[in-house]
Amino acid sequence: MSWPGKSPRPSEVFITAMLVSLSIALHFFKIPYPLMTALKFDLVGIPLVIIAYLSLRYFFVSLPVVWLGITALSQDWIGASMKILAEATTVLPLALAISGRIEKKIYVGIGIVASIVSRTVTMMIANYFVLPRWALLVGWASTLEEGYKLLFVTMPYIVSFNVIMAALVSLVGYLSIKILRKAGFMP
């Protein structure tokens, strides 16, 4: 079976594999969000921004690998799925906005704003469906109605967390690409 389109260069595959490994390793280093300690800041998305800038094809191939790594480390496929959804909806708008236009600051700004909006709205919707059932599963609620009450109490914290994370990942990812380009490591 052949790779659709042009064949990947070994150096591209190596760089992608290293960035995927880094992304999984960064899952170990978490800082609790002070307003809701169940949410944790991490830097998993930054290597994914670099991968997406190099190639969206590599980015989409990388997502299931990162999901498997995070699931294996955390033993929590639901949390890993939410994490991958959050990172994908952060990285994709930024990558699409800056692809081939990284020097134009207007596109960088549009990409960062689009990433923030995309992640925040997507995670609000995902949490609407997942959090009440998750609360039942882990014993935070005894009925689905209690799970929805918990959702509505925590939603402002979930929104603010996702705004901060999307801004952080987008900005640091963009700055990382700029540094790597300036050093001659990226096109």
C-alpha atoms as a PDB file:
ATOM      1  CA  MET A   1       0.000   0.000   0.000  1.00  0.00           C
ATOM      2  CA  SER A   2       1.421   3.362  -0.922  1.00  0.00           C
ATOM      3  CA  TRP A   3       1.129   6.690   0.859  1.00  0.00           C
ATOM      4  CA  PRO A   4      -1.410   8.919  -0.976  1.00  0.00           C
ATOM      5  CA  GLY A   5       0.241  11.877  -2.694  1.00  0.00           C
ATOM      6  CA  LYS A   6       3.958  12.409  -2.362  1.00  0.00           C
ATOM      7  CA  SER A   7       5.978   9.948  -0.318  1.00  0.00           C
ATOM      8  CA  PRO A   8       7.043  11.187   3.103  1.00  0.00           C
ATOM      9  CA  ARG A   9      10.736  11.906   3.548  1.00  0.00           C
ATOM     10  CA  PRO A  10      12.405   9.924   6.329  1.00  0.00           C
ATOM     11  CA  SER A  11      13.383  13.176   8.062  1.00  0.00           C
ATOM     12  CA  GLU A  12       9.727  14.292   8.147  1.00  0.00           C
ATOM     13  CA  VAL A  13       8.657  10.963   9.616  1.00  0.00           C
ATOM     14  CA  PHE A  14      11.455  11.154  12.206  1.00  0.00           C
ATOM     15  CA  ILE A  15      10.570  14.724  13.213  1.00  0.00           C
ATOM     16  CA  THR A  16       6.887  13.826  13.476  1.00  0.00           C
ATOM     17  CA  ALA A  17       7.676  10.758  15.599  1.00  0.00           C
ATOM     18  CA  MET A  18       9.876  12.828  17.916  1.00  0.00           C
ATOM     19  CA  LEU A  19       7.189  15.502  18.292  1.00  0.00           C
ATOM     20  CA  VAL A  20       4.522  12.861  18.982  1.00  0.00           C
ATOM     21  CA  SER A  21       6.779  11.354  21.660  1.00  0.00           C
ATOM     22  CA  LEU A  22       7.323  14.806  23.151  1.00  0.00           C
ATOM     23  CA  SER A  23       3.583  15.465  23.137  1.00  0.00           C
ATOM     24  CA  ILE A  24       2.905  12.232  25.040  1.00  0.00           C
ATOM     25  CA  ALA A  25       5.751  12.921  27.495  1.00  0.00           C
ATOM     26  CA  LEU A  26       4.413  16.421  28.176  1.00  0.00           C
ATOM     27  CA  HIS A  27       1.198  14.814  29.424  1.00  0.00           C
ATOM     28  CA  PHE A  28       3.115  13.926  32.614  1.00  0.00           C
ATOM     29  CA  PHE A  29       3.682  17.574  33.500  1.00  0.00           C
ATOM     30  CA  LYS A  30       0.412  19.118  34.617  1.00  0.00           C
ATOM     31  CA  ILE A  31      -0.524  22.129  36.701  1.00  0.00           C
ATOM     32  CA  PRO A  32      -4.020  22.167  38.249  1.00  0.00           C
ATOM     33  CA  TYR A  33      -6.274  25.029  37.204  1.00  0.00           C
ATOM     34  CA  PRO A  34      -6.766  26.958  40.473  1.00  0.00           C
ATOM     35  CA  LEU A  35     -10.478  27.606  39.889  1.00  0.00           C
ATOM     36  CA  MET A  36     -11.253  23.925  39.189  1.00  0.00           C
ATOM     37  CA  THR A  37      -8.471  21.505  40.067  1.00  0.00           C
ATOM     38  CA  ALA A  38     -10.003  18.655  38.052  1.00  0.00           C
ATOM     39  CA  LEU A  39      -8.813  20.600  34.990  1.00  0.00           C
ATOM     40  CA  LYS A  40      -5.070  20.603  34.373  1.00  0.00           C
ATOM     41  CA  PHE A  41      -2.791  22.800  32.289  1.00  0.00           C
ATOM     42  CA  ASP A  42      -0.266  20.932  30.144  1.00  0.00           C
ATOM     43  CA  LEU A  43       1.744  21.511  26.990  1.00  0.00           C
ATOM     44  CA  VAL A  44       0.623  18.475  24.951  1.00  0.00           C
ATOM     45  CA  GLY A  45      -0.716  20.685  22.152  1.00  0.00           C
ATOM     46  CA  ILE A  46       2.472  22.617  21.404  1.00  0.00           C
ATOM     47  CA  PRO A  47       4.274  19.791  19.547  1.00  0.00           C
ATOM     48  CA  LEU A  48       0.989  19.152  17.714  1.00  0.00           C
ATOM     49  CA  VAL A  49       0.985  22.772  16.477  1.00  0.00           C
ATOM     50  CA  ILE A  50       4.455  22.210  15.014  1.00  0.00           C
ATOM     51  CA  ILE A  51       3.378  18.938  13.377  1.00  0.00           C
ATOM     52  CA  ALA A  52       0.283  20.591  11.877  1.00  0.00           C
ATOM     53  CA  TYR A  53       2.398  23.443  10.529  1.00  0.00           C
ATOM     54  CA  LEU A  54       4.696  20.911   8.840  1.00  0.00           C
ATOM     55  CA  SER A  55       1.845  18.834   7.420  1.00  0.00           C
ATOM     56  CA  LEU A  56      -1.843  18.427   8.184  1.00  0.00           C
ATOM     57  CA  ARG A  57      -1.533  14.846   6.973  1.00  0.00           C
ATOM     58  CA  TYR A  58       1.062  14.111   9.668  1.00  0.00           C
ATOM     59  CA  PHE A  59      -1.090  15.945  12.201  1.00  0.00           C
ATOM     60  CA  PHE A  60      -4.115  13.738  11.514  1.00  0.00           C
ATOM     61  CA  VAL A  61      -1.971  10.591  11.602  1.00  0.00           C
ATOM     62  CA  SER A  62      -0.437  11.763  14.903  1.00  0.00           C
ATOM     63  CA  LEU A  63      -3.717  12.305  16.771  1.00  0.00           C
ATOM     64  CA  PRO A  64      -4.599   8.604  17.259  1.00  0.00           C
ATOM     65  CA  VAL A  65      -1.019   7.853  18.341  1.00  0.00           C
ATOM     66  CA  VAL A  66      -1.098  10.635  20.940  1.00  0.00           C
ATOM     67  CA  TRP A  67      -4.542   9.408  22.060  1.00  0.00           C
ATOM     68  CA  LEU A  68      -3.161   5.888  22.537  1.00  0.00           C
ATOM     69  CA  GLY A  69      -0.181   7.234  24.489  1.00  0.00           C
ATOM     70  CA  ILE A  70      -2.299   9.395  26.776  1.00  0.00           C
ATOM     71  CA  THR A  71      -4.803   6.572  27.274  1.00  0.00           C
ATOM     72  CA  ALA A  72      -2.013   4.146  28.176  1.00  0.00           C
ATOM     73  CA  LEU A  73      -0.518   6.618  30.661  1.00  0.00           C
ATOM     74  CA  SER A  74      -3.765   7.705  32.284  1.00  0.00           C
ATOM     75  CA  GLN A  75      -5.897   4.555  31.913  1.00  0.00           C
ATOM     76  CA  ASP A  76      -8.728   6.964  31.042  1.00  0.00           C
ATOM     77  CA  TRP A  77      -9.955   6.752  27.458  1.00  0.00           C
ATOM     78  CA  ILE A  78     -12.721   9.296  28.042  1.00  0.00           C
ATOM     79  CA  GLY A  79     -10.339  11.935  29.379  1.00  0.00           C
ATOM     80  CA  ALA A  80      -7.857  11.160  26.598  1.00  0.00           C
ATOM     81  CA  SER A  81     -10.614  11.536  24.007  1.00  0.00           C
ATOM     82  CA  MET A  82     -11.644  14.901  25.441  1.00  0.00           C
ATOM     83  CA  LYS A  83      -7.978  15.975  25.461  1.00  0.00           C
ATOM     84  CA  ILE A  84      -7.469  15.034  21.801  1.00  0.00           C
ATOM     85  CA  LEU A  85     -10.717  16.768  20.826  1.00  0.00           C
ATOM     86  CA  ALA A  86      -9.602  19.912  22.674  1.00  0.00           C
ATOM     87  CA  GLU A  87      -6.133  19.899  21.108  1.00  0.00           C
ATOM     88  CA  ALA A  88      -7.406  19.145  17.596  1.00  0.00           C
ATOM     89  CA  THR A  89      -9.900  22.007  17.734  1.00  0.00           C
ATOM     90  CA  THR A  90      -7.149  24.306  18.987  1.00  0.00           C
ATOM     91  CA  VAL A  91      -4.424  23.330  16.534  1.00  0.00           C
ATOM     92  CA  LEU A  92      -6.397  22.961  13.301  1.00  0.00           C
ATOM     93  CA  PRO A  93      -7.719  26.559  13.008  1.00  0.00           C
ATOM     94  CA  LEU A  94      -4.271  27.973  13.779  1.00  0.00           C
ATOM     95  CA  ALA A  95      -2.544  25.687  11.272  1.00  0.00           C
ATOM     96  CA  LEU A  96      -5.059  26.518   8.551  1.00  0.00           C
ATOM     97  CA  ALA A  97      -4.731  30.252   9.206  1.00  0.00           C
ATOM     98  CA  ILE A  98      -0.922  30.428   9.217  1.00  0.00           C
ATOM     99  CA  SER A  99      -0.151  27.785   6.599  1.00  0.00           C
ATOM    100  CA  GLY A 100       2.046  29.550   4.060  1.00  0.00           C
ATOM    101  CA  ARG A 101       1.326  32.932   5.696  1.00  0.00           C
ATOM    102  CA  ILE A 102       3.227  32.794   8.972  1.00  0.00           C
ATOM    103  CA  GLU A 103       4.931  36.134   8.302  1.00  0.00           C
ATOM    104  CA  LYS A 104       1.596  37.969   8.032  1.00  0.00           C
ATOM    105  CA  LYS A 105       0.553  38.913  11.550  1.00  0.00           C
ATOM    106  CA  ILE A 106      -3.113  39.343  10.625  1.00  0.00           C
ATOM    107  CA  TYR A 107      -3.351  35.621   9.791  1.00  0.00           C
ATOM    108  CA  VAL A 108      -1.584  34.715  13.022  1.00  0.00           C
ATOM    109  CA  GLY A 109      -4.098  36.832  14.961  1.00  0.00           C
ATOM    110  CA  ILE A 110      -7.017  35.298  13.086  1.00  0.00           C
ATOM    111  CA  GLY A 111      -5.612  31.826  13.743  1.00  0.00           C
ATOM    112  CA  ILE A 112      -5.217  32.423  17.473  1.00  0.00           C
ATOM    113  CA  VAL A 113      -8.723  33.895  17.822  1.00  0.00           C
ATOM    114  CA  ALA A 114     -10.198  31.068  15.711  1.00  0.00           C
ATOM    115  CA  SER A 115      -8.387  28.519  17.894  1.00  0.00           C
ATOM    116  CA  ILE A 116      -9.773  30.049  21.074  1.00  0.00           C
ATOM    117  CA  VAL A 117     -13.329  30.155  19.725  1.00  0.00           C
ATOM    118  CA  SER A 118     -13.105  26.681  18.185  1.00  0.00           C
ATOM    119  CA  ARG A 119     -11.782  24.975  21.309  1.00  0.00           C
ATOM    120  CA  THR A 120     -14.075  26.811  23.707  1.00  0.00           C
ATOM    121  CA  VAL A 121     -17.291  26.162  21.776  1.00  0.00           C
ATOM    122  CA  THR A 122     -16.372  22.547  20.982  1.00  0.00           C
ATOM    123  CA  MET A 123     -15.507  21.761  24.589  1.00  0.00           C
ATOM    124  CA  MET A 124     -18.688  23.427  25.867  1.00  0.00           C
ATOM    125  CA  ILE A 125     -20.700  21.128  23.603  1.00  0.00           C
ATOM    126  CA  ALA A 126     -18.600  18.052  24.428  1.00  0.00           C
ATOM    127  CA  ASN A 127     -18.865  18.710  28.163  1.00  0.00           C
ATOM    128  CA  TYR A 128     -22.636  19.095  27.863  1.00  0.00           C
ATOM    129  CA  PHE A 129     -22.823  15.484  26.684  1.00  0.00           C
ATOM    130  CA  VAL A 130     -19.915  13.951  28.618  1.00  0.00           C
ATOM    131  CA  LEU A 131     -19.653  15.643  32.026  1.00  0.00           C
ATOM    132  CA  PRO A 132     -23.056  14.651  33.511  1.00  0.00           C
ATOM    133  CA  ARG A 133     -22.488  11.000  32.576  1.00  0.00           C
ATOM    134  CA  TRP A 134     -18.864  11.146  33.740  1.00  0.00           C
ATOM    135  CA  ALA A 135     -20.077  12.564  37.075  1.00  0.00           C
ATOM    136  CA  LEU A 136     -22.371   9.545  37.444  1.00  0.00           C
ATOM    137  CA  LEU A 137     -19.565   7.157  36.544  1.00  0.00           C
ATOM    138  CA  VAL A 138     -17.077   8.520  39.095  1.00  0.00           C
ATOM    139  CA  GLY A 139     -19.634   9.171  41.836  1.00  0.00           C
ATOM    140  CA  TRP A 140     -19.727  12.973  41.727  1.00  0.00           C
ATOM    141  CA  ALA A 141     -23.484  12.762  41.095  1.00  0.00           C
ATOM    142  CA  SER A 142     -26.099  10.145  41.932  1.00  0.00           C
ATOM    143  CA  THR A 143     -28.542  11.071  39.143  1.00  0.00           C
ATOM    144  CA  LEU A 144     -28.190  12.486  35.662  1.00  0.00           C
ATOM    145  CA  GLU A 145     -30.048  15.596  36.836  1.00  0.00           C
ATOM    146  CA  GLU A 146     -27.375  16.160  39.495  1.00  0.00           C
ATOM    147  CA  GLY A 147     -24.771  15.672  36.767  1.00  0.00           C
ATOM    148  CA  TYR A 148     -26.345  18.466  34.721  1.00  0.00           C
ATOM    149  CA  LYS A 149     -26.491  20.712  37.787  1.00  0.00           C
ATOM    150  CA  LEU A 150     -22.774  20.077  38.251  1.00  0.00           C
ATOM    151  CA  LEU A 151     -22.214  20.914  34.584  1.00  0.00           C
ATOM    152  CA  PHE A 152     -23.964  24.276  34.834  1.00  0.00           C
ATOM    153  CA  VAL A 153     -22.116  25.183  38.028  1.00  0.00           C
ATOM    154  CA  THR A 154     -18.729  24.302  36.514  1.00  0.00           C
ATOM    155  CA  MET A 155     -19.301  25.590  32.958  1.00  0.00           C
ATOM    156  CA  PRO A 156     -17.833  29.085  33.608  1.00  0.00           C
ATOM    157  CA  TYR A 157     -14.634  27.432  34.875  1.00  0.00           C
ATOM    158  CA  ILE A 158     -14.531  25.035  31.928  1.00  0.00           C
ATOM    159  CA  VAL A 159     -14.956  27.946  29.502  1.00  0.00           C
ATOM    160  CA  SER A 160     -12.282  30.103  31.141  1.00  0.00           C
ATOM    161  CA  PHE A 161      -9.881  27.140  31.278  1.00  0.00           C
ATOM    162  CA  ASN A 162     -10.350  26.407  27.572  1.00  0.00           C
ATOM    163  CA  VAL A 163      -9.889  30.061  26.605  1.00  0.00           C
ATOM    164  CA  ILE A 164      -6.607  30.167  28.542  1.00  0.00           C
ATOM    165  CA  MET A 165      -5.385  26.810  27.180  1.00  0.00           C
ATOM    166  CA  ALA A 166      -6.229  27.671  23.565  1.00  0.00           C
ATOM    167  CA  ALA A 167      -4.469  31.016  23.858  1.00  0.00           C
ATOM    168  CA  LEU A 168      -1.441  29.405  25.507  1.00  0.00           C
ATOM    169  CA  VAL A 169      -1.102  26.535  23.027  1.00  0.00           C
ATOM    170  CA  SER A 170      -1.684  28.779  20.002  1.00  0.00           C
ATOM    171  CA  LEU A 171       0.703  31.506  21.079  1.00  0.00           C
ATOM    172  CA  VAL A 172       3.506  29.254  22.348  1.00  0.00           C
ATOM    173  CA  GLY A 173       3.081  26.938  19.343  1.00  0.00           C
ATOM    174  CA  TYR A 174       3.323  29.878  16.950  1.00  0.00           C
ATOM    175  CA  LEU A 175       6.376  31.281  18.771  1.00  0.00           C
ATOM    176  CA  SER A 176       8.003  27.826  18.707  1.00  0.00           C
ATOM    177  CA  ILE A 177       7.536  27.657  14.943  1.00  0.00           C
ATOM    178  CA  LYS A 178       9.029  31.146  14.560  1.00  0.00           C
ATOM    179  CA  ILE A 179      12.082  30.159  16.633  1.00  0.00           C
ATOM    180  CA  LEU A 180      12.553  26.872  14.753  1.00  0.00           C
ATOM    181  CA  ARG A 181      12.262  28.681  11.413  1.00  0.00           C
ATOM    182  CA  LYS A 182      14.739  31.354  12.449  1.00  0.00           C
ATOM    183  CA  ALA A 183      17.194  28.651  13.574  1.00  0.00           C
ATOM    184  CA  GLY A 184      16.814  26.929  10.190  1.00  0.00           C
ATOM    185  CA  PHE A 185      15.105  23.775  11.456  1.00  0.00           C
ATOM    186  CA  MET A 186      11.835  24.357   9.595  1.00  0.00           C
ATOM    187  CA  PRO A 187      10.818  25.716   6.204  1.00  0.00           C
END
